All heavy atoms as atom14 arrays in JSON, in Angstrom:
{
  "sequence": "LTRGQLFVIANVAAGETRAADIARNLGISRQAVSQII",
  "atom14_mask": [
    [1, 1, 1, 1, 1, 1, 1, 1, 0, 0, 0, 0, 0, 0],
    [1, 1, 1, 1, 1, 1, 1, 0, 0, 0, 0, 0, 0, 0],
    [1, 1, 1, 1, 1, 1, 1, 1, 1, 1, 1, 0, 0, 0],
    [1, 1, 1, 1, 0, 0, 0, 0, 0, 0, 0, 0, 0, 0],
    [1, 1, 1, 1, 1, 1, 1, 1, 1, 0, 0, 0, 0, 0],
    [1, 1, 1, 1, 1, 1, 1, 1, 0, 0, 0, 0, 0, 0],
    [1, 1, 1, 1, 1, 1, 1, 1, 1, 1, 1, 0, 0, 0],
    [1, 1, 1, 1, 1, 1, 1, 0, 0, 0, 0, 0, 0, 0],
    [1, 1, 1, 1, 1, 1, 1, 1, 0, 0, 0, 0, 0, 0],
    [1, 1, 1, 1, 1, 0, 0, 0, 0, 0, 0, 0, 0, 0],
    [1, 1, 1, 1, 1, 1, 1, 1, 0, 0, 0, 0, 0, 0],
    [1, 1, 1, 1, 1, 1, 1, 0, 0, 0, 0, 0, 0, 0],
    [1, 1, 1, 1, 1, 0, 0, 0, 0, 0, 0, 0, 0, 0],
    [1, 1, 1, 1, 1, 0, 0, 0, 0, 0, 0, 0, 0, 0],
    [1, 1, 1, 1, 0, 0, 0, 0, 0, 0, 0, 0, 0, 0],
    [1, 1, 1, 1, 1, 1, 1, 1, 1, 0, 0, 0, 0, 0],
    [1, 1, 1, 1, 1, 1, 1, 0, 0, 0, 0, 0, 0, 0],
    [1, 1, 1, 1, 1, 1, 1, 1, 1, 1, 1, 0, 0, 0],
    [1, 1, 1, 1, 1, 0, 0, 0, 0, 0, 0, 0, 0, 0],
    [1, 1, 1, 1, 1, 0, 0, 0, 0, 0, 0, 0, 0, 0],
    [1, 1, 1, 1, 1, 1, 1, 1, 0, 0, 0, 0, 0, 0],
    [1, 1, 1, 1, 1, 1, 1, 1, 0, 0, 0, 0, 0, 0],
    [1, 1, 1, 1, 1, 0, 0, 0, 0, 0, 0, 0, 0, 0],
    [1, 1, 1, 1, 1, 1, 1, 1, 1, 1, 1, 0, 0, 0],
    [1, 1, 1, 1, 1, 1, 1, 1, 0, 0, 0, 0, 0, 0],
    [1, 1, 1, 1, 1, 1, 1, 1, 0, 0, 0, 0, 0, 0],
    [1, 1, 1, 1, 0, 0, 0, 0, 0, 0, 0, 0, 0, 0],
    [1, 1, 1, 1, 1, 1, 1, 1, 0, 0, 0, 0, 0, 0],
    [1, 1, 1, 1, 1, 1, 0, 0, 0, 0, 0, 0, 0, 0],
    [1, 1, 1, 1, 1, 1, 1, 1, 1, 1, 1, 0, 0, 0],
    [1, 1, 1, 1, 1, 1, 1, 1, 1, 0, 0, 0, 0, 0],
    [1, 1, 1, 1, 1, 0, 0, 0, 0, 0, 0, 0, 0, 0],
    [1, 1, 1, 1, 1, 1, 1, 0, 0, 0, 0, 0, 0, 0],
    [1, 1, 1, 1, 1, 1, 0, 0, 0, 0, 0, 0, 0, 0],
    [1, 1, 1, 1, 1, 1, 1, 1, 1, 0, 0, 0, 0, 0],
    [1, 1, 1, 1, 1, 1, 1, 1, 0, 0, 0, 0, 0, 0],
    [1, 1, 1, 1, 1, 1, 1, 1, 0, 0, 0, 0, 0, 0]
  ],
  "atom14_positions": [
    [[-7.82, 11.39, -11.48], [-8.5, 10.17, -11.91], [-9.35, 9.65, -10.77], [-9.04, 9.89, -9.6], [-7.48, 9.1, -12.3], [-6.54, 9.44, -13.46], [-5.41, 8.44, -13.53], [-7.3, 9.48, -14.76], [0.0, 0.0, 0.0], [0.0, 0.0, 0.0], [0.0, 0.0, 0.0], [0.0, 0.0, 0.0], [0.0, 0.0, 0.0], [0.0, 0.0, 0.0]],
    [[-10.4, 8.9, -11.1], [-11.19, 8.25, -10.06], [-10.39, 7.09, -9.49], [-9.4, 6.63, -10.08], [-12.51, 7.71, -10.61], [-12.22, 6.63, -11.52], [-13.33, 8.8, -11.3], [0.0, 0.0, 0.0], [0.0, 0.0, 0.0], [0.0, 0.0, 0.0], [0.0, 0.0, 0.0], [0.0, 0.0, 0.0], [0.0, 0.0, 0.0], [0.0, 0.0, 0.0]],
    [[-10.83, 6.58, -8.36], [-10.17, 5.42, -7.74], [-10.18, 4.23, -8.71], [-9.18, 3.56, -8.88], [-10.88, 5.07, -6.44], [-10.26, 3.93, -5.68], [-11.09, 3.6, -4.43], [-10.34, 2.76, -3.55], [-9.95, 3.1, -2.33], [-10.25, 4.27, -1.84], [-9.26, 2.27, -1.59], [0.0, 0.0, 0.0], [0.0, 0.0, 0.0], [0.0, 0.0, 0.0]],
    [[-11.3, 3.99, -9.35], [-11.4, 2.89, -10.31], [-10.43, 3.06, -11.46], [-9.77, 2.11, -11.88], [0.0, 0.0, 0.0], [0.0, 0.0, 0.0], [0.0, 0.0, 0.0], [0.0, 0.0, 0.0], [0.0, 0.0, 0.0], [0.0, 0.0, 0.0], [0.0, 0.0, 0.0], [0.0, 0.0, 0.0], [0.0, 0.0, 0.0], [0.0, 0.0, 0.0]],
    [[-10.34, 4.28, -11.98], [-9.41, 4.55, -13.08], [-7.97, 4.33, -12.63], [-7.17, 3.74, -13.36], [-9.6, 5.98, -13.59], [-10.9, 6.2, -14.32], [-11.2, 7.66, -14.59], [-10.7, 8.55, -13.92], [-12.05, 7.9, -15.57], [0.0, 0.0, 0.0], [0.0, 0.0, 0.0], [0.0, 0.0, 0.0], [0.0, 0.0, 0.0], [0.0, 0.0, 0.0]],
    [[-7.63, 4.78, -11.43], [-6.27, 4.57, -10.91], [-5.94, 3.09, -10.81], [-4.85, 2.66, -11.19], [-6.11, 5.21, -9.52], [-5.9, 6.7, -9.48], [-5.93, 7.19, -8.03], [-4.57, 7.07, -10.12], [0.0, 0.0, 0.0], [0.0, 0.0, 0.0], [0.0, 0.0, 0.0], [0.0, 0.0, 0.0], [0.0, 0.0, 0.0], [0.0, 0.0, 0.0]],
    [[-6.88, 2.3, -10.3], [-6.61, 0.88, -10.12], [-6.55, 0.13, -11.45], [-5.8, -0.83, -11.58], [-7.6, 0.24, -9.15], [-7.34, 0.64, -7.71], [-8.37, 1.01, -6.89], [-6.05, 0.64, -7.2], [-8.14, 1.37, -5.56], [-5.8, 1.0, -5.88], [-6.85, 1.37, -5.06], [0.0, 0.0, 0.0], [0.0, 0.0, 0.0], [0.0, 0.0, 0.0]],
    [[-7.33, 0.57, -12.43], [-7.21, -0.04, -13.76], [-5.85, 0.3, -14.35], [-5.15, -0.58, -14.87], [-8.37, 0.4, -14.69], [-8.08, 0.02, -16.14], [-9.68, -0.24, -14.24], [0.0, 0.0, 0.0], [0.0, 0.0, 0.0], [0.0, 0.0, 0.0], [0.0, 0.0, 0.0], [0.0, 0.0, 0.0], [0.0, 0.0, 0.0], [0.0, 0.0, 0.0]],
    [[-5.44, 1.56, -14.26], [-4.12, 1.94, -14.77], [-3.01, 1.18, -14.05], [-2.07, 0.7, -14.68], [-3.91, 3.47, -14.65], [-4.74, 4.17, -15.72], [-2.45, 3.84, -14.8], [-4.73, 5.68, -15.64], [0.0, 0.0, 0.0], [0.0, 0.0, 0.0], [0.0, 0.0, 0.0], [0.0, 0.0, 0.0], [0.0, 0.0, 0.0], [0.0, 0.0, 0.0]],
    [[-3.13, 1.02, -12.73], [-2.12, 0.27, -11.98], [-2.03, -1.17, -12.48], [-0.94, -1.72, -12.63], [-2.43, 0.3, -10.49], [0.0, 0.0, 0.0], [0.0, 0.0, 0.0], [0.0, 0.0, 0.0], [0.0, 0.0, 0.0], [0.0, 0.0, 0.0], [0.0, 0.0, 0.0], [0.0, 0.0, 0.0], [0.0, 0.0, 0.0], [0.0, 0.0, 0.0]],
    [[-3.17, -1.79, -12.78], [-3.17, -3.15, -13.3], [-2.54, -3.22, -14.68], [-1.75, -4.13, -14.97], [-4.6, -3.7, -13.34], [-5.0, -4.41, -12.09], [-4.91, -5.62, -12.01], [-5.41, -3.65, -11.08], [0.0, 0.0, 0.0], [0.0, 0.0, 0.0], [0.0, 0.0, 0.0], [0.0, 0.0, 0.0], [0.0, 0.0, 0.0], [0.0, 0.0, 0.0]],
    [[-2.88, -2.27, -15.55], [-2.31, -2.27, -16.89], [-0.8, -2.01, -16.81], [-0.02, -2.68, -17.5], [-3.02, -1.23, -17.8], [-2.36, -1.14, -19.16], [-4.5, -1.6, -17.95], [0.0, 0.0, 0.0], [0.0, 0.0, 0.0], [0.0, 0.0, 0.0], [0.0, 0.0, 0.0], [0.0, 0.0, 0.0], [0.0, 0.0, 0.0], [0.0, 0.0, 0.0]],
    [[-0.38, -1.09, -15.95], [1.05, -0.82, -15.78], [1.79, -2.04, -15.25], [2.97, -2.24, -15.54], [1.26, 0.37, -14.85], [0.0, 0.0, 0.0], [0.0, 0.0, 0.0], [0.0, 0.0, 0.0], [0.0, 0.0, 0.0], [0.0, 0.0, 0.0], [0.0, 0.0, 0.0], [0.0, 0.0, 0.0], [0.0, 0.0, 0.0], [0.0, 0.0, 0.0]],
    [[1.08, -2.9, -14.5], [1.68, -4.12, -13.96], [1.67, -5.27, -14.97], [2.12, -6.37, -14.67], [0.96, -4.55, -12.68], [0.0, 0.0, 0.0], [0.0, 0.0, 0.0], [0.0, 0.0, 0.0], [0.0, 0.0, 0.0], [0.0, 0.0, 0.0], [0.0, 0.0, 0.0], [0.0, 0.0, 0.0], [0.0, 0.0, 0.0], [0.0, 0.0, 0.0]],
    [[1.11, -5.01, -16.18], [1.17, -6.02, -17.22], [-0.14, -6.69, -17.58], [-0.19, -7.52, -18.48], [0.0, 0.0, 0.0], [0.0, 0.0, 0.0], [0.0, 0.0, 0.0], [0.0, 0.0, 0.0], [0.0, 0.0, 0.0], [0.0, 0.0, 0.0], [0.0, 0.0, 0.0], [0.0, 0.0, 0.0], [0.0, 0.0, 0.0], [0.0, 0.0, 0.0]],
    [[-1.23, -6.36, -16.87], [-2.53, -6.93, -17.23], [-3.03, -6.24, -18.49], [-2.97, -5.02, -18.6], [-3.55, -6.75, -16.11], [-3.23, -7.52, -14.85], [-3.28, -9.03, -15.0], [-3.74, -9.54, -16.06], [-2.86, -9.71, -14.06], [0.0, 0.0, 0.0], [0.0, 0.0, 0.0], [0.0, 0.0, 0.0], [0.0, 0.0, 0.0], [0.0, 0.0, 0.0]],
    [[-3.5, -7.0, -19.46], [-3.94, -6.42, -20.72], [-5.38, -6.73, -21.07], [-5.92, -6.16, -22.01], [-3.05, -6.92, -21.88], [-3.13, -8.34, -21.95], [-1.6, -6.48, -21.7], [0.0, 0.0, 0.0], [0.0, 0.0, 0.0], [0.0, 0.0, 0.0], [0.0, 0.0, 0.0], [0.0, 0.0, 0.0], [0.0, 0.0, 0.0], [0.0, 0.0, 0.0]],
    [[-6.02, -7.62, -20.34], [-7.39, -8.02, -20.65], [-8.36, -7.57, -19.57], [-8.07, -7.69, -18.38], [-7.49, -9.54, -20.78], [-6.7, -10.08, -21.95], [-6.71, -11.59, -21.97], [-6.02, -12.07, -23.14], [-6.5, -12.99, -23.95], [-7.66, -13.55, -23.7], [-5.82, -13.36, -25.0], [0.0, 0.0, 0.0], [0.0, 0.0, 0.0], [0.0, 0.0, 0.0]],
    [[-9.51, -7.06, -20.0], [-10.51, -6.55, -19.07], [-10.93, -7.6, -18.05], [-11.11, -7.3, -16.87], [-11.72, -6.02, -19.84], [0.0, 0.0, 0.0], [0.0, 0.0, 0.0], [0.0, 0.0, 0.0], [0.0, 0.0, 0.0], [0.0, 0.0, 0.0], [0.0, 0.0, 0.0], [0.0, 0.0, 0.0], [0.0, 0.0, 0.0], [0.0, 0.0, 0.0]],
    [[-11.09, -8.85, -18.49], [-11.53, -9.91, -17.58], [-10.52, -10.11, -16.45], [-10.91, -10.3, -15.29], [-11.74, -11.21, -18.34], [0.0, 0.0, 0.0], [0.0, 0.0, 0.0], [0.0, 0.0, 0.0], [0.0, 0.0, 0.0], [0.0, 0.0, 0.0], [0.0, 0.0, 0.0], [0.0, 0.0, 0.0], [0.0, 0.0, 0.0], [0.0, 0.0, 0.0]],
    [[-9.22, -10.07, -16.77], [-8.19, -10.25, -15.74], [-8.15, -9.06, -14.78], [-8.0, -9.23, -13.57], [-6.82, -10.45, -16.39], [-6.75, -11.73, -17.2], [-7.47, -12.7, -16.87], [-5.99, -11.77, -18.19], [0.0, 0.0, 0.0], [0.0, 0.0, 0.0], [0.0, 0.0, 0.0], [0.0, 0.0, 0.0], [0.0, 0.0, 0.0], [0.0, 0.0, 0.0]],
    [[-8.32, -7.86, -15.33], [-8.34, -6.66, -14.5], [-9.56, -6.7, -13.57], [-9.45, -6.43, -12.37], [-8.35, -5.39, -15.37], [-7.03, -5.28, -16.16], [-8.57, -4.14, -14.51], [-7.04, -4.23, -17.26], [0.0, 0.0, 0.0], [0.0, 0.0, 0.0], [0.0, 0.0, 0.0], [0.0, 0.0, 0.0], [0.0, 0.0, 0.0], [0.0, 0.0, 0.0]],
    [[-10.7, -7.08, -14.1], [-11.92, -7.18, -13.3], [-11.74, -8.18, -12.16], [-12.13, -7.91, -11.01], [-13.11, -7.58, -14.18], [0.0, 0.0, 0.0], [0.0, 0.0, 0.0], [0.0, 0.0, 0.0], [0.0, 0.0, 0.0], [0.0, 0.0, 0.0], [0.0, 0.0, 0.0], [0.0, 0.0, 0.0], [0.0, 0.0, 0.0], [0.0, 0.0, 0.0]],
    [[-11.15, -9.31, -12.46], [-10.92, -10.33, -11.43], [-9.99, -9.78, -10.35], [-10.24, -9.96, -9.16], [-10.34, -11.59, -12.08], [-10.22, -12.77, -11.15], [-9.78, -14.08, -11.81], [-9.04, -13.98, -13.05], [-9.58, -14.07, -14.29], [-10.87, -14.24, -14.44], [-8.82, -13.99, -15.37], [0.0, 0.0, 0.0], [0.0, 0.0, 0.0], [0.0, 0.0, 0.0]],
    [[-8.92, -9.1, -10.74], [-7.99, -8.53, -9.77], [-8.65, -7.49, -8.87], [-8.32, -7.39, -7.68], [-6.8, -7.87, -10.48], [-5.87, -8.86, -11.1], [-5.9, -10.05, -10.82], [-5.0, -8.37, -11.97], [0.0, 0.0, 0.0], [0.0, 0.0, 0.0], [0.0, 0.0, 0.0], [0.0, 0.0, 0.0], [0.0, 0.0, 0.0], [0.0, 0.0, 0.0]],
    [[-9.57, -6.71, -9.45], [-10.21, -5.64, -8.69], [-11.48, -6.08, -7.98], [-12.03, -5.34, -7.17], [-10.52, -4.46, -9.61], [-9.3, -3.78, -10.24], [-9.75, -2.64, -11.15], [-8.36, -3.26, -9.16], [0.0, 0.0, 0.0], [0.0, 0.0, 0.0], [0.0, 0.0, 0.0], [0.0, 0.0, 0.0], [0.0, 0.0, 0.0], [0.0, 0.0, 0.0]],
    [[-11.97, -7.27, -8.32], [-13.19, -7.75, -7.69], [-14.44, -7.0, -8.13], [-15.37, -6.82, -7.35], [0.0, 0.0, 0.0], [0.0, 0.0, 0.0], [0.0, 0.0, 0.0], [0.0, 0.0, 0.0], [0.0, 0.0, 0.0], [0.0, 0.0, 0.0], [0.0, 0.0, 0.0], [0.0, 0.0, 0.0], [0.0, 0.0, 0.0], [0.0, 0.0, 0.0]],
    [[-14.43, -6.54, -9.39], [-15.6, -5.85, -9.94], [-15.97, -6.51, -11.26], [-15.22, -7.33, -11.79], [-15.36, -4.34, -10.11], [-14.2, -4.05, -11.08], [-15.11, -3.68, -8.76], [-13.97, -2.56, -11.35], [0.0, 0.0, 0.0], [0.0, 0.0, 0.0], [0.0, 0.0, 0.0], [0.0, 0.0, 0.0], [0.0, 0.0, 0.0], [0.0, 0.0, 0.0]],
    [[-17.11, -6.13, -11.79], [-17.59, -6.78, -13.02], [-16.75, -6.38, -14.23], [-16.14, -5.31, -14.26], [-19.06, -6.42, -13.27], [-19.16, -5.07, -13.68], [0.0, 0.0, 0.0], [0.0, 0.0, 0.0], [0.0, 0.0, 0.0], [0.0, 0.0, 0.0], [0.0, 0.0, 0.0], [0.0, 0.0, 0.0], [0.0, 0.0, 0.0], [0.0, 0.0, 0.0]],
    [[-16.78, -7.25, -15.23], [-16.1, -6.95, -16.49], [-16.73, -5.74, -17.17], [-16.04, -4.94, -17.79], [-16.15, -8.19, -17.39], [-15.02, -8.25, -18.36], [-14.91, -9.55, -19.05], [-16.21, -10.13, -19.39], [-16.38, -11.31, -19.92], [-15.34, -12.05, -20.19], [-17.57, -11.77, -20.2], [0.0, 0.0, 0.0], [0.0, 0.0, 0.0], [0.0, 0.0, 0.0]],
    [[-18.04, -5.59, -17.0], [-18.72, -4.44, -17.58], [-18.23, -3.14, -16.95], [-18.03, -2.14, -17.65], [-20.25, -4.57, -17.41], [-20.87, -5.67, -18.22], [-20.7, -7.07, -17.57], [-20.22, -7.2, -16.45], [-21.08, -8.1, -18.31], [0.0, 0.0, 0.0], [0.0, 0.0, 0.0], [0.0, 0.0, 0.0], [0.0, 0.0, 0.0], [0.0, 0.0, 0.0]],
    [[-18.03, -3.15, -15.62], [-17.52, -1.95, -14.94], [-16.12, -1.61, -15.43], [-15.8, -0.44, -15.69], [-17.53, -2.15, -13.43], [0.0, 0.0, 0.0], [0.0, 0.0, 0.0], [0.0, 0.0, 0.0], [0.0, 0.0, 0.0], [0.0, 0.0, 0.0], [0.0, 0.0, 0.0], [0.0, 0.0, 0.0], [0.0, 0.0, 0.0], [0.0, 0.0, 0.0]],
    [[-15.27, -2.63, -15.59], [-13.92, -2.4, -16.09], [-13.97, -1.9, -17.53], [-13.23, -0.98, -17.89], [-13.05, -3.67, -15.96], [-11.74, -3.53, -16.73], [-12.77, -3.96, -14.49], [0.0, 0.0, 0.0], [0.0, 0.0, 0.0], [0.0, 0.0, 0.0], [0.0, 0.0, 0.0], [0.0, 0.0, 0.0], [0.0, 0.0, 0.0], [0.0, 0.0, 0.0]],
    [[-14.85, -2.46, -18.34], [-14.98, -2.01, -19.73], [-15.39, -0.55, -19.79], [-14.89, 0.21, -20.63], [-15.99, -2.87, -20.48], [-15.49, -4.18, -20.63], [0.0, 0.0, 0.0], [0.0, 0.0, 0.0], [0.0, 0.0, 0.0], [0.0, 0.0, 0.0], [0.0, 0.0, 0.0], [0.0, 0.0, 0.0], [0.0, 0.0, 0.0], [0.0, 0.0, 0.0]],
    [[-16.27, -0.12, -18.89], [-16.68, 1.28, -18.84], [-15.5, 2.17, -18.45], [-15.27, 3.22, -19.06], [-17.83, 1.47, -17.85], [-18.29, 2.92, -17.75], [-19.45, 3.09, -16.78], [-20.1, 2.13, -16.38], [-19.69, 4.33, -16.4], [0.0, 0.0, 0.0], [0.0, 0.0, 0.0], [0.0, 0.0, 0.0], [0.0, 0.0, 0.0], [0.0, 0.0, 0.0]],
    [[-14.72, 1.75, -17.46], [-13.55, 2.52, -17.04], [-12.53, 2.57, -18.16], [-11.94, 3.63, -18.43], [-12.94, 1.93, -15.75], [-13.91, 2.1, -14.58], [-11.59, 2.57, -15.44], [-13.52, 1.33, -13.33], [0.0, 0.0, 0.0], [0.0, 0.0, 0.0], [0.0, 0.0, 0.0], [0.0, 0.0, 0.0], [0.0, 0.0, 0.0], [0.0, 0.0, 0.0]],
    [[-12.33, 1.46, -18.86], [-11.4, 1.43, -19.99], [-11.85, 2.4, -21.07], [-11.03, 3.15, -21.63], [-11.25, -0.01, -20.53], [-10.43, -0.86, -19.54], [-10.61, -0.02, -21.91], [-10.42, -2.34, -19.85], [0.0, 0.0, 0.0], [0.0, 0.0, 0.0], [0.0, 0.0, 0.0], [0.0, 0.0, 0.0], [0.0, 0.0, 0.0], [0.0, 0.0, 0.0]]
  ]
}
């Protein structure tokens, strides 16, 4: 997996379920997280 994919999976595994919250945690745009999702 790419680094971005790993960090999105880590956030989801930690209980984050919304793209906006994952984006905030990772410090990237919601659009970038939506693409990774």
